[in-house]
Amino acid sequence: MARGTTTRTLFINRMKREGRHAEWKRRYTQAKKEHENWKEASDTVMEEMGFVDSKVEREIHEKFLKYGMQGLPDAIQAAQDSEDQQELIEILGDYDINDSDLPVDIAFVFHNLHRTKGEMANWKVTPDQAPTPGSWAMLVWASTGNQTKFMEKVIGEQLKSGRAAEDQGMRDTGESIEQITKMLQELL
């Protein structure tokens, strides 16, 4: 009975197609010195070089069989983007928008932009998590090529309007140096 092609073999074949097999071999050789067995070494190097899971690797292989090299870059990029996004979410963690100084709708968008990479179906935030329909609409708008506008216009205006009068910096009170010195001496 013939054994099916392993995910590891598919991954190594992909490294060959992408011209990264020499790098794979170099890293694998180094990893074998650091790990107890070849499988741990191989798994470590695969993960470092973009392996997500067997399902994704098989999908990439299927796209290669169907479309040749043209279908590969998109699948690889999508897998890498998803992995990068998940890593960023783990680093940043969850934030309670009620703890923000921003209005709740704006805080929702501001604190969830990093969860909106790629196609909307792949976003790591859903409409039911939005505090209002307007905040979801604003997130969709900001995520579809308007992130800079959101930061400049919406967040910029919030930062300007949110400053207290006493936080506007130093200004002339009309007091002379002698008057200020006298007031300071009275305090002591």
Protein backbone atom coordinates (compact mmCIF):
# COMPACT_ATOMS: atom_id res chain seq x y z
CA MET A 1 0.00 0.00 0.00
CA ALA A 2 1.53 3.31 -1.10
CA ARG A 3 1.86 6.09 1.42
CA GLY A 4 0.51 9.54 0.54
CA THR A 5 2.74 12.55 0.17
CA THR A 6 3.54 14.02 3.55
CA THR A 7 3.03 17.67 4.40
CA ARG A 8 6.76 17.90 5.06
CA THR A 9 7.50 16.72 1.51
CA LEU A 10 5.01 19.23 0.09
CA PHE A 11 6.67 22.01 2.08
CA ILE A 12 10.19 21.03 0.97
CA ASN A 13 9.03 20.85 -2.65
CA ARG A 14 7.57 24.34 -2.26
CA MET A 15 10.91 25.58 -0.91
CA LYS A 16 12.56 24.16 -4.06
CA ARG A 17 10.02 25.88 -6.35
CA GLU A 18 10.53 29.19 -4.53
CA GLY A 19 14.31 28.93 -4.74
CA ARG A 20 14.66 28.69 -0.94
CA HIS A 21 15.79 25.06 -0.68
CA ALA A 22 19.43 25.96 0.06
CA GLU A 23 18.25 28.15 2.94
CA TRP A 24 16.03 25.30 4.13
CA LYS A 25 18.97 22.85 4.12
CA ARG A 26 21.26 25.30 5.92
CA ARG A 27 18.72 26.02 8.65
CA TYR A 28 17.77 22.35 8.98
CA THR A 29 21.41 21.31 9.37
CA GLN A 30 21.84 23.91 12.12
CA ALA A 31 18.57 22.95 13.82
CA LYS A 32 19.58 19.25 13.95
CA LYS A 33 22.47 20.28 16.19
CA GLU A 34 20.07 22.05 18.56
CA HIS A 35 17.25 19.46 18.73
CA GLU A 36 17.06 15.88 19.93
CA ASN A 37 15.63 14.41 16.72
CA TRP A 38 15.24 15.25 13.06
CA LYS A 39 11.47 15.77 13.31
CA GLU A 40 11.74 18.53 15.94
CA ALA A 41 14.49 20.19 13.89
CA SER A 42 12.42 19.97 10.72
CA ASP A 43 9.26 21.27 12.40
CA THR A 44 11.16 24.25 13.84
CA VAL A 45 12.66 25.22 10.49
CA MET A 46 9.36 24.73 8.68
CA GLU A 47 7.62 27.08 11.11
CA GLU A 48 10.40 29.68 10.79
CA MET A 49 10.15 29.58 7.00
CA GLY A 50 6.39 30.06 6.73
CA PHE A 51 4.70 26.72 7.39
CA VAL A 52 1.26 27.40 8.89
CA ASP A 53 -0.39 23.98 9.02
CA SER A 54 -0.98 20.91 6.85
CA LYS A 55 -4.31 22.21 5.52
CA VAL A 56 -2.75 25.45 4.26
CA GLU A 57 0.24 23.57 2.78
CA ARG A 58 -2.07 21.20 0.91
CA GLU A 59 -4.12 24.18 -0.37
CA ILE A 60 -0.91 25.82 -1.64
CA HIS A 61 0.04 22.55 -3.33
CA GLU A 62 -3.41 22.23 -4.93
CA LYS A 63 -3.17 25.80 -6.25
CA PHE A 64 0.26 25.00 -7.65
CA LEU A 65 -1.10 21.93 -9.43
CA LYS A 66 -4.04 23.90 -10.80
CA TYR A 67 -2.43 27.25 -11.69
CA GLY A 68 1.30 26.61 -11.68
CA MET A 69 3.53 29.26 -10.17
CA GLN A 70 0.93 32.01 -10.79
CA GLY A 71 -1.37 30.78 -8.02
CA LEU A 72 1.38 30.37 -5.47
CA PRO A 73 2.38 33.91 -4.46
CA ASP A 74 -1.17 34.85 -3.47
CA ALA A 75 -1.64 31.71 -1.36
CA ILE A 76 1.72 32.13 0.33
CA GLN A 77 1.10 35.81 0.98
CA ALA A 78 -2.37 35.11 2.39
CA ALA A 79 -0.99 32.45 4.72
CA GLN A 80 1.87 34.72 5.84
CA ASP A 81 -0.50 37.66 6.38
CA SER A 82 -2.80 35.53 8.50
CA GLU A 83 0.13 34.30 10.59
CA ASP A 84 1.51 37.84 11.03
CA GLN A 85 -1.91 39.16 12.00
CA GLN A 86 -2.43 36.43 14.59
CA GLU A 87 1.01 37.13 16.06
CA LEU A 88 0.20 40.84 16.28
CA ILE A 89 -3.12 40.14 17.99
CA GLU A 90 -1.35 37.93 20.54
CA ILE A 91 1.23 40.65 21.20
CA LEU A 92 -1.30 43.48 21.55
CA GLY A 93 -3.91 41.42 23.37
CA ASP A 94 -7.46 42.58 23.97
CA TYR A 95 -8.26 46.11 25.06
CA ASP A 96 -11.43 47.19 26.83
CA ILE A 97 -12.63 50.15 24.76
CA ASN A 98 -14.48 51.46 27.80
CA ASP A 99 -11.08 52.23 29.35
CA SER A 100 -10.20 54.53 26.45
CA ASP A 101 -10.40 58.32 26.56
CA LEU A 102 -11.82 58.20 23.04
CA PRO A 103 -15.57 58.00 22.34
CA VAL A 104 -16.62 54.34 22.27
CA ASP A 105 -17.25 54.19 18.47
CA ILE A 106 -13.86 55.69 17.65
CA ALA A 107 -12.12 53.58 20.31
CA PHE A 108 -13.62 50.44 18.77
CA VAL A 109 -12.14 51.30 15.37
CA PHE A 110 -8.80 52.47 16.78
CA HIS A 111 -8.30 49.34 18.88
CA ASN A 112 -9.41 46.87 16.18
CA LEU A 113 -7.69 48.09 13.02
CA HIS A 114 -4.94 45.50 13.44
CA ARG A 115 -7.60 42.77 13.25
CA THR A 116 -8.78 43.78 9.76
CA LYS A 117 -6.14 42.46 7.36
CA GLY A 118 -7.03 40.93 4.00
CA GLU A 119 -10.53 40.03 2.93
CA MET A 120 -13.36 40.89 5.32
CA ALA A 121 -14.21 37.19 5.63
CA ASN A 122 -10.76 36.67 7.20
CA TRP A 123 -10.95 39.57 9.67
CA LYS A 124 -10.44 38.73 13.34
CA VAL A 125 -13.28 41.06 14.38
CA THR A 126 -16.98 40.71 13.56
CA PRO A 127 -19.93 43.13 13.31
CA ASP A 128 -21.52 41.73 16.48
CA GLN A 129 -18.47 42.92 18.46
CA ALA A 130 -19.04 46.53 17.40
CA PRO A 131 -20.79 48.73 19.97
CA THR A 132 -22.92 50.35 17.25
CA PRO A 133 -23.59 49.85 13.53
CA GLY A 134 -21.84 53.17 12.93
CA SER A 135 -18.65 51.98 14.58
CA TRP A 136 -18.65 48.91 12.32
CA ALA A 137 -19.18 51.10 9.27
CA MET A 138 -16.31 53.35 10.40
CA LEU A 139 -14.06 50.29 10.87
CA VAL A 140 -14.88 49.05 7.37
CA TRP A 141 -14.15 52.51 5.96
CA ALA A 142 -10.87 52.87 7.87
CA SER A 143 -9.76 49.36 6.90
CA THR A 144 -10.33 49.75 3.18
CA GLY A 145 -7.52 52.11 2.30
CA ASN A 146 -8.47 54.92 4.67
CA GLN A 147 -6.36 54.10 7.73
CA THR A 148 -4.19 57.18 7.27
CA LYS A 149 -7.27 59.40 6.87
CA PHE A 150 -8.76 57.86 10.00
CA MET A 151 -5.61 58.55 11.99
CA GLU A 152 -5.20 62.10 10.66
CA LYS A 153 -8.79 63.26 10.68
CA VAL A 154 -10.65 61.32 13.34
CA ILE A 155 -7.93 60.56 15.88
CA GLY A 156 -6.15 63.86 15.21
CA GLU A 157 -9.33 65.84 15.88
CA GLN A 158 -10.06 63.81 19.01
CA LEU A 159 -6.59 64.54 20.35
CA LYS A 160 -7.02 68.27 19.66
CA SER A 161 -10.49 68.55 21.16
CA GLY A 162 -9.71 66.27 24.10
CA ARG A 163 -7.02 68.48 25.63
CA ALA A 164 -7.96 70.34 28.75
CA ALA A 165 -7.42 74.09 28.82
CA GLU A 166 -4.66 73.77 31.39
CA ASP A 167 -2.92 71.25 29.15
CA GLN A 168 -2.43 73.76 26.34
CA GLY A 169 1.07 74.66 27.50
CA MET A 170 2.55 77.73 29.16
CA ARG A 171 1.16 81.16 28.42
CA ASP A 172 1.67 84.67 29.75
CA THR A 173 -0.37 85.35 32.88
CA GLY A 174 0.50 89.04 32.92
CA GLU A 175 2.41 88.76 36.19
CA SER A 176 5.80 90.41 36.46
CA ILE A 177 8.87 88.55 37.69
CA GLU A 178 8.74 90.55 40.92
CA GLN A 179 5.10 89.57 41.51
CA ILE A 180 5.85 85.89 40.85
CA THR A 181 8.88 86.01 43.19
CA LYS A 182 6.73 87.62 45.92
CA MET A 183 4.04 84.93 45.50
CA LEU A 184 6.64 82.16 45.75
CA GLN A 185 8.15 83.72 48.93
CA GLU A 186 4.70 83.88 50.52
CA LEU A 187 4.30 80.13 49.90
CA LEU A 188 7.52 79.39 51.77
